[in-house]
PDB file of N, CA and C in Angstrom:
ATOM      1  N   MET A   1     -14.114  12.925  -1.123  1.00  0.00           N
ATOM      2  CA  MET A   1     -13.196  12.298   0.204  1.00  0.00           C
ATOM      3  C   MET A   1     -11.673  12.602   0.042  1.00  0.00           C
ATOM      4  N   PRO A   2     -11.530  12.752   1.645  1.00  0.00           N
ATOM      5  CA  PRO A   2      -9.907  13.131   1.667  1.00  0.00           C
ATOM      6  C   PRO A   2      -9.019  12.026   1.663  1.00  0.00           C
ATOM      7  N   SER A   3      -7.939  12.294   0.817  1.00  0.00           N
ATOM      8  CA  SER A   3      -7.118  11.259   0.566  1.00  0.00           C
ATOM      9  C   SER A   3      -6.956   9.758   2.088  1.00  0.00           C
ATOM     10  N   LEU A   4      -6.722  10.810   2.772  1.00  0.00           N
ATOM     11  CA  LEU A   4      -6.547   9.480   3.992  1.00  0.00           C
ATOM     12  C   LEU A   4      -7.748   8.689   4.080  1.00  0.00           C
ATOM     13  N   ASP A   5      -8.930   9.039   4.161  1.00  0.00           N
ATOM     14  CA  ASP A   5     -10.066   8.076   4.044  1.00  0.00           C
ATOM     15  C   ASP A   5      -9.866   7.312   2.972  1.00  0.00           C
ATOM     16  N   VAL A   6      -9.617   7.662   1.873  1.00  0.00           N
ATOM     17  CA  VAL A   6      -9.456   6.512   1.007  1.00  0.00           C
ATOM     18  C   VAL A   6      -8.547   5.424   1.162  1.00  0.00           C
ATOM     19  N   PHE A   7      -7.188   6.028   1.816  1.00  0.00           N
ATOM     20  CA  PHE A   7      -6.475   4.891   1.952  1.00  0.00           C
ATOM     21  C   PHE A   7      -7.285   4.089   2.863  1.00  0.00           C
ATOM     22  N   ARG A   8      -7.600   4.606   4.239  1.00  0.00           N
ATOM     23  CA  ARG A   8      -8.303   3.560   4.838  1.00  0.00           C
ATOM     24  C   ARG A   8      -9.449   2.649   4.438  1.00  0.00           C
ATOM     25  N   ALA A   9     -10.040   3.338   3.423  1.00  0.00           N
ATOM     26  CA  ALA A   9     -11.348   2.628   2.919  1.00  0.00           C
ATOM     27  C   ALA A   9     -10.527   1.585   2.152  1.00  0.00           C
ATOM     28  N   ILE A  10      -9.811   1.317   1.234  1.00  0.00           N
ATOM     29  CA  ILE A  10      -9.128   0.635   0.355  1.00  0.00           C
ATOM     30  C   ILE A  10      -8.184  -0.459   1.160  1.00  0.00           C
ATOM     31  N   THR A  11      -8.209   0.049   2.297  1.00  0.00           N
ATOM     32  CA  THR A  11      -6.659  -0.952   3.188  1.00  0.00           C
ATOM     33  C   THR A  11      -7.413  -1.642   4.579  1.00  0.00           C
ATOM     34  N   SER A  12      -7.488  -0.952   5.551  1.00  0.00           N
ATOM     35  CA  SER A  12      -7.662  -1.412   7.032  1.00  0.00           C
ATOM     36  C   SER A  12      -9.384  -1.638   6.839  1.00  0.00           C
ATOM     37  N   ASN A  13     -10.136  -0.518   6.230  1.00  0.00           N
ATOM     38  CA  ASN A  13     -11.765  -0.951   6.440  1.00  0.00           C
ATOM     39  C   ASN A  13     -12.231  -2.020   5.572  1.00  0.00           C
ATOM     40  N   ALA A  14     -11.385  -2.191   4.377  1.00  0.00           N
ATOM     41  CA  ALA A  14     -11.910  -3.140   3.146  1.00  0.00           C
ATOM     42  C   ALA A  14     -11.373  -4.619   4.177  1.00  0.00           C
ATOM     43  N   ALA A  15     -10.180  -4.671   4.466  1.00  0.00           N
ATOM     44  CA  ALA A  15     -10.295  -5.719   5.549  1.00  0.00           C
ATOM     45  C   ALA A  15     -11.212  -6.334   6.397  1.00  0.00           C
ATOM     46  N   GLU A  16     -11.423  -5.482   6.906  1.00  0.00           N
ATOM     47  CA  GLU A  16     -12.377  -5.747   8.095  1.00  0.00           C
ATOM     48  C   GLU A  16     -13.820  -5.904   7.556  1.00  0.00           C
ATOM     49  N   MET A  17     -14.131  -5.256   6.613  1.00  0.00           N
ATOM     50  CA  MET A  17     -15.463  -5.869   5.963  1.00  0.00           C
ATOM     51  C   MET A  17     -15.467  -7.417   5.242  1.00  0.00           C
ATOM     52  N   LEU A  18     -14.129  -7.309   4.935  1.00  0.00           N
ATOM     53  CA  LEU A  18     -14.275  -8.938   4.473  1.00  0.00           C
ATOM     54  C   LEU A  18     -13.927 -10.134   5.670  1.00  0.00           C
ATOM     55  N   GLY A  19     -13.373  -9.473   6.556  1.00  0.00           N
ATOM     56  CA  GLY A  19     -13.064 -10.436   7.711  1.00  0.00           C
ATOM     57  C   GLY A  19     -11.831 -11.072   7.588  1.00  0.00           C
ATOM     58  N   TRP A  20     -10.857 -10.070   7.152  1.00  0.00           N
ATOM     59  CA  TRP A  20      -9.523 -10.703   6.673  1.00  0.00           C
ATOM     60  C   TRP A  20      -8.260  -9.668   7.195  1.00  0.00           C
ATOM     61  N   GLN A  21      -9.096  -8.877   8.271  1.00  0.00           N
ATOM     62  CA  GLN A  21      -8.163  -8.073   8.949  1.00  0.00           C
ATOM     63  C   GLN A  21      -6.653  -8.892   9.750  1.00  0.00           C
ATOM     64  N   ASP A  22      -6.997 -10.043   9.863  1.00  0.00           N
ATOM     65  CA  ASP A  22      -5.826 -10.846  10.257  1.00  0.00           C
ATOM     66  C   ASP A  22      -4.786 -11.217   9.377  1.00  0.00           C
ATOM     67  N   ARG A  23      -5.161 -11.101   7.939  1.00  0.00           N
ATOM     68  CA  ARG A  23      -4.018 -11.409   6.838  1.00  0.00           C
ATOM     69  C   ARG A  23      -3.846 -10.041   6.357  1.00  0.00           C
ATOM     70  N   VAL A  24      -4.701  -8.983   6.207  1.00  0.00           N
ATOM     71  CA  VAL A  24      -4.368  -7.923   5.070  1.00  0.00           C
ATOM     72  C   VAL A  24      -4.842  -6.545   5.704  1.00  0.00           C
ATOM     73  N   GLY A  25      -4.726  -5.453   5.182  1.00  0.00           N
ATOM     74  CA  GLY A  25      -5.189  -4.378   5.791  1.00  0.00           C
ATOM     75  C   GLY A  25      -4.398  -3.181   6.123  1.00  0.00           C
ATOM     76  N   SER A  26      -3.161  -3.928   6.819  1.00  0.00           N
ATOM     77  CA  SER A  26      -1.914  -2.781   7.493  1.00  0.00           C
ATOM     78  C   SER A  26      -0.643  -3.686   7.258  1.00  0.00           C
ATOM     79  N   VAL A  27       0.349  -3.146   7.854  1.00  0.00           N
ATOM     80  CA  VAL A  27       1.561  -3.476   7.463  1.00  0.00           C
ATOM     81  C   VAL A  27       1.912  -4.143   8.986  1.00  0.00           C
ATOM     82  N   GLU A  28       2.013  -5.210   8.989  1.00  0.00           N
ATOM     83  CA  GLU A  28       2.649  -6.166  10.447  1.00  0.00           C
ATOM     84  C   GLU A  28       2.872  -7.423   9.997  1.00  0.00           C
ATOM     85  N   PRO A  29       3.753  -7.598  11.038  1.00  0.00           N
ATOM     86  CA  PRO A  29       4.428  -8.885  10.787  1.00  0.00           C
ATOM     87  C   PRO A  29       3.105 -10.037  11.135  1.00  0.00           C
ATOM     88  N   GLY A  30       3.305 -11.144  10.116  1.00  0.00           N
ATOM     89  CA  GLY A  30       2.418 -12.243   9.932  1.00  0.00           C
ATOM     90  C   GLY A  30       1.321 -12.067   8.760  1.00  0.00           C
ATOM     91  N   LYS A  31       1.579 -10.877   8.336  1.00  0.00           N
ATOM     92  CA  LYS A  31       0.225 -10.499   7.289  1.00  0.00           C
ATOM     93  C   LYS A  31       1.160 -10.457   6.121  1.00  0.00           C
ATOM     94  N   PHE A  32       0.262 -10.529   5.011  1.00  0.00           N
ATOM     95  CA  PHE A  32       0.762 -10.668   3.397  1.00  0.00           C
ATOM     96  C   PHE A  32       1.711  -9.441   3.193  1.00  0.00           C
ATOM     97  N   ALA A  33       2.398  -9.347   2.551  1.00  0.00           N
ATOM     98  CA  ALA A  33       3.442  -8.294   2.315  1.00  0.00           C
ATOM     99  C   ALA A  33       3.152  -7.690   1.078  1.00  0.00           C
ATOM    100  N   ASP A  34       2.113  -6.834   0.680  1.00  0.00           N
ATOM    101  CA  ASP A  34       1.962  -6.571  -0.608  1.00  0.00           C
ATOM    102  C   ASP A  34       1.886  -5.026  -0.526  1.00  0.00           C
ATOM    103  N   LEU A  35       2.974  -4.328  -0.973  1.00  0.00           N
ATOM    104  CA  LEU A  35       3.153  -3.130  -0.827  1.00  0.00           C
ATOM    105  C   LEU A  35       3.383  -2.402  -1.955  1.00  0.00           C
ATOM    106  N   VAL A  36       2.979  -0.946  -2.233  1.00  0.00           N
ATOM    107  CA  VAL A  36       3.456  -0.244  -3.441  1.00  0.00           C
ATOM    108  C   VAL A  36       4.374   1.131  -2.509  1.00  0.00           C
ATOM    109  N   ALA A  37       5.485   1.628  -3.096  1.00  0.00           N
ATOM    110  CA  ALA A  37       5.794   3.182  -2.713  1.00  0.00           C
ATOM    111  C   ALA A  37       5.835   3.850  -3.809  1.00  0.00           C
ATOM    112  N   VAL A  38       5.852   5.393  -3.376  1.00  0.00           N
ATOM    113  CA  VAL A  38       5.905   6.213  -4.144  1.00  0.00           C
ATOM    114  C   VAL A  38       6.805   7.393  -3.724  1.00  0.00           C
ATOM    115  N   ALA A  39       7.297   8.190  -4.671  1.00  0.00           N
ATOM    116  CA  ALA A  39       8.249   9.418  -4.102  1.00  0.00           C
ATOM    117  C   ALA A  39       7.774   9.936  -3.776  1.00  0.00           C
ATOM    118  N   GLY A  40       6.447  10.730  -3.675  1.00  0.00           N
ATOM    119  CA  GLY A  40       6.119  11.813  -3.157  1.00  0.00           C
ATOM    120  C   GLY A  40       4.712  11.416  -1.866  1.00  0.00           C
ATOM    121  N   ASP A  41       4.259  12.413  -1.656  1.00  0.00           N
ATOM    122  CA  ASP A  41       3.426  12.395  -0.335  1.00  0.00           C
ATOM    123  C   ASP A  41       1.957  12.059  -0.875  1.00  0.00           C
ATOM    124  N   PRO A  42       1.150  10.758  -1.135  1.00  0.00           N
ATOM    125  CA  PRO A  42      -0.013  10.491  -1.823  1.00  0.00           C
ATOM    126  C   PRO A  42      -1.108  10.987  -0.858  1.00  0.00           C
ATOM    127  N   ILE A  43      -0.722  11.582   0.388  1.00  0.00           N
ATOM    128  CA  ILE A  43      -1.951  11.860   1.194  1.00  0.00           C
ATOM    129  C   ILE A  43      -2.088  13.412   0.723  1.00  0.00           C
ATOM    130  N   ALA A  44      -0.683  14.224   0.514  1.00  0.00           N
ATOM    131  CA  ALA A  44      -1.043  15.485  -0.061  1.00  0.00           C
ATOM    132  C   ALA A  44      -1.537  15.768  -1.620  1.00  0.00           C
ATOM    133  N   ASP A  45      -1.201  14.499  -2.346  1.00  0.00           N
ATOM    134  CA  ASP A  45      -0.968  14.269  -3.619  1.00  0.00           C
ATOM    135  C   ASP A  45      -1.688  12.954  -4.109  1.00  0.00           C
ATOM    136  N   ILE A  46      -2.965  13.130  -4.392  1.00  0.00           N
ATOM    137  CA  ILE A  46      -3.229  11.328  -4.534  1.00  0.00           C
ATOM    138  C   ILE A  46      -2.929  10.777  -5.860  1.00  0.00           C
ATOM    139  N   THR A  47      -2.595  11.797  -6.875  1.00  0.00           N
ATOM    140  CA  THR A  47      -2.380  11.319  -8.159  1.00  0.00           C
ATOM    141  C   THR A  47      -0.529  10.898  -7.866  1.00  0.00           C
ATOM    142  N   GLU A  48      -0.147  10.727  -6.945  1.00  0.00           N
ATOM    143  CA  GLU A  48       1.325  10.287  -6.762  1.00  0.00           C
ATOM    144  C   GLU A  48       1.119   8.513  -6.655  1.00  0.00           C
ATOM    145  N   LEU A  49      -0.077   7.809  -6.626  1.00  0.00           N
ATOM    146  CA  LEU A  49      -0.272   6.504  -7.022  1.00  0.00           C
ATOM    147  C   LEU A  49       0.041   6.517  -8.121  1.00  0.00           C
ATOM    148  N   GLU A  50      -0.279   7.121  -9.273  1.00  0.00           N
ATOM    149  CA  GLU A  50       0.053   7.188 -10.666  1.00  0.00           C
ATOM    150  C   GLU A  50       1.206   6.744 -11.125  1.00  0.00           C
ATOM    151  N   ARG A  51       2.440   6.927 -10.132  1.00  0.00           N
ATOM    152  CA  ARG A  51       3.473   7.079 -10.139  1.00  0.00           C
ATOM    153  C   ARG A  51       4.333   6.227  -9.364  1.00  0.00           C
ATOM    154  N   VAL A  52       4.237   4.773  -9.437  1.00  0.00           N
ATOM    155  CA  VAL A  52       4.442   3.755  -8.434  1.00  0.00           C
ATOM    156  C   VAL A  52       6.033   3.390  -8.930  1.00  0.00           C
ATOM    157  N   ARG A  53       6.750   3.614  -7.708  1.00  0.00           N
ATOM    158  CA  ARG A  53       8.175   3.117  -7.927  1.00  0.00           C
ATOM    159  C   ARG A  53       8.704   1.691  -7.219  1.00  0.00           C
ATOM    160  N   PHE A  54       7.669   1.371  -6.455  1.00  0.00           N
ATOM    161  CA  PHE A  54       8.003   0.034  -5.582  1.00  0.00           C
ATOM    162  C   PHE A  54       7.028  -0.626  -5.608  1.00  0.00           C
ATOM    163  N   VAL A  55       7.161  -2.241  -5.894  1.00  0.00           N
ATOM    164  CA  VAL A  55       6.099  -2.710  -5.769  1.00  0.00           C
ATOM    165  C   VAL A  55       6.618  -4.214  -4.695  1.00  0.00           C
ATOM    166  N   MET A  56       5.903  -4.880  -3.726  1.00  0.00           N
ATOM    167  CA  MET A  56       6.163  -5.894  -2.976  1.00  0.00           C
ATOM    168  C   MET A  56       5.100  -6.685  -3.417  1.00  0.00           C
ATOM    169  N   LYS A  57       4.848  -7.978  -3.605  1.00  0.00           N
ATOM    170  CA  LYS A  57       4.156  -9.027  -3.616  1.00  0.00           C
ATOM    171  C   LYS A  57       4.605  -9.934  -3.248  1.00  0.00           C
ATOM    172  N   ASP A  58       3.811 -10.499  -2.142  1.00  0.00           N
ATOM    173  CA  ASP A  58       3.846 -12.170  -1.409  1.00  0.00           C
ATOM    174  C   ASP A  58       5.418 -11.825  -0.676  1.00  0.00           C
ATOM    175  N   GLY A  59       5.783 -10.622  -0.551  1.00  0.00           N
ATOM    176  CA  GLY A  59       7.284 -10.230   0.225  1.00  0.00           C
ATOM    177  C   GLY A  59       7.941 -10.545  -0.507  1.00  0.00           C
ATOM    178  N   GLN A  60       8.180 -10.365  -1.816  1.00  0.00           N
ATOM    179  CA  GLN A  60       9.015 -10.631  -2.873  1.00  0.00           C
ATOM    180  C   GLN A  60       9.102  -9.096  -3.643  1.00  0.00           C
ATOM    181  N   VAL A  61      10.051  -8.424  -3.668  1.00  0.00           N
ATOM    182  CA  VAL A  61      10.334  -7.296  -4.620  1.00  0.00           C
ATOM    183  C   VAL A  61      10.161  -7.534  -5.960  1.00  0.00           C
ATOM    184  N   VAL A  62       9.096  -7.144  -6.317  1.00  0.00           N
ATOM    185  CA  VAL A  62       8.750  -7.203  -7.854  1.00  0.00           C
ATOM    186  C   VAL A  62       9.126  -5.924  -9.227  1.00  0.00           C
ATOM    187  N   ARG A  63       9.323  -5.023  -8.121  1.00  0.00           N
ATOM    188  CA  ARG A  63       9.588  -3.525  -9.241  1.00  0.00           C
ATOM    189  C   ARG A  63      10.359  -2.613  -8.073  1.00  0.00           C
ATOM    190  N   ASN A  64      11.671  -1.985  -8.333  1.00  0.00           N
ATOM    191  CA  ASN A  64      12.544  -1.367  -7.507  1.00  0.00           C
ATOM    192  C   ASN A  64      12.947  -0.159  -8.281  1.00  0.00           C
ATOM    193  N   ASP A  65      12.261   1.105  -8.311  1.00  0.00           N
ATOM    194  CA  ASP A  65      12.922   2.098  -9.234  1.00  0.00           C
ATOM    195  C   ASP A  65      13.693   2.748  -8.168  1.00  0.00           C
ATOM    196  N   LEU A  66      13.701   2.913  -6.945  1.00  0.00           N
ATOM    197  CA  LEU A  66      14.233   3.579  -5.703  1.00  0.00           C
ATOM    198  C   LEU A  66      15.303   3.188  -5.578  1.00  0.00           C
ATOM    199  N   ALA A  67      16.226   2.067  -5.868  1.00  0.00           N
ATOM    200  CA  ALA A  67      17.167   1.395  -5.741  1.00  0.00           C
ATOM    201  C   ALA A  67      18.572   2.130  -6.556  1.00  0.00           C
ATOM    202  N   SER A  68      19.431   2.306  -5.737  1.00  0.00           N
ATOM    203  CA  SER A  68      20.550   2.969  -6.901  1.00  0.00           C
ATOM    204  C   SER A  68      21.212   1.922  -7.548  1.00  0.00           C
ATOM    205  N   PRO A  69      21.733   2.272  -8.879  1.00  0.00           N
ATOM    206  CA  PRO A  69      22.199   1.256  -9.758  1.00  0.00           C
ATOM    207  C   PRO A  69      23.342   0.895  -9.252  1.00  0.00           C
TER     208      PRO A  69
END
């Protein structure tokens, strides 16, 4: 499965299947803010997801290896 299809399956498609598309599945105002960020392009290299550098849970930053000291 192409990487972009994997991302859709685990985000917007999963939210729609659960009936939660009003709360999760995309980055929009009013939705839960659970995010991860990586330094590279996970579409080009899915293994970038093994090297998460930033995590936001419920709108609060819980990890930030991208910030300068």
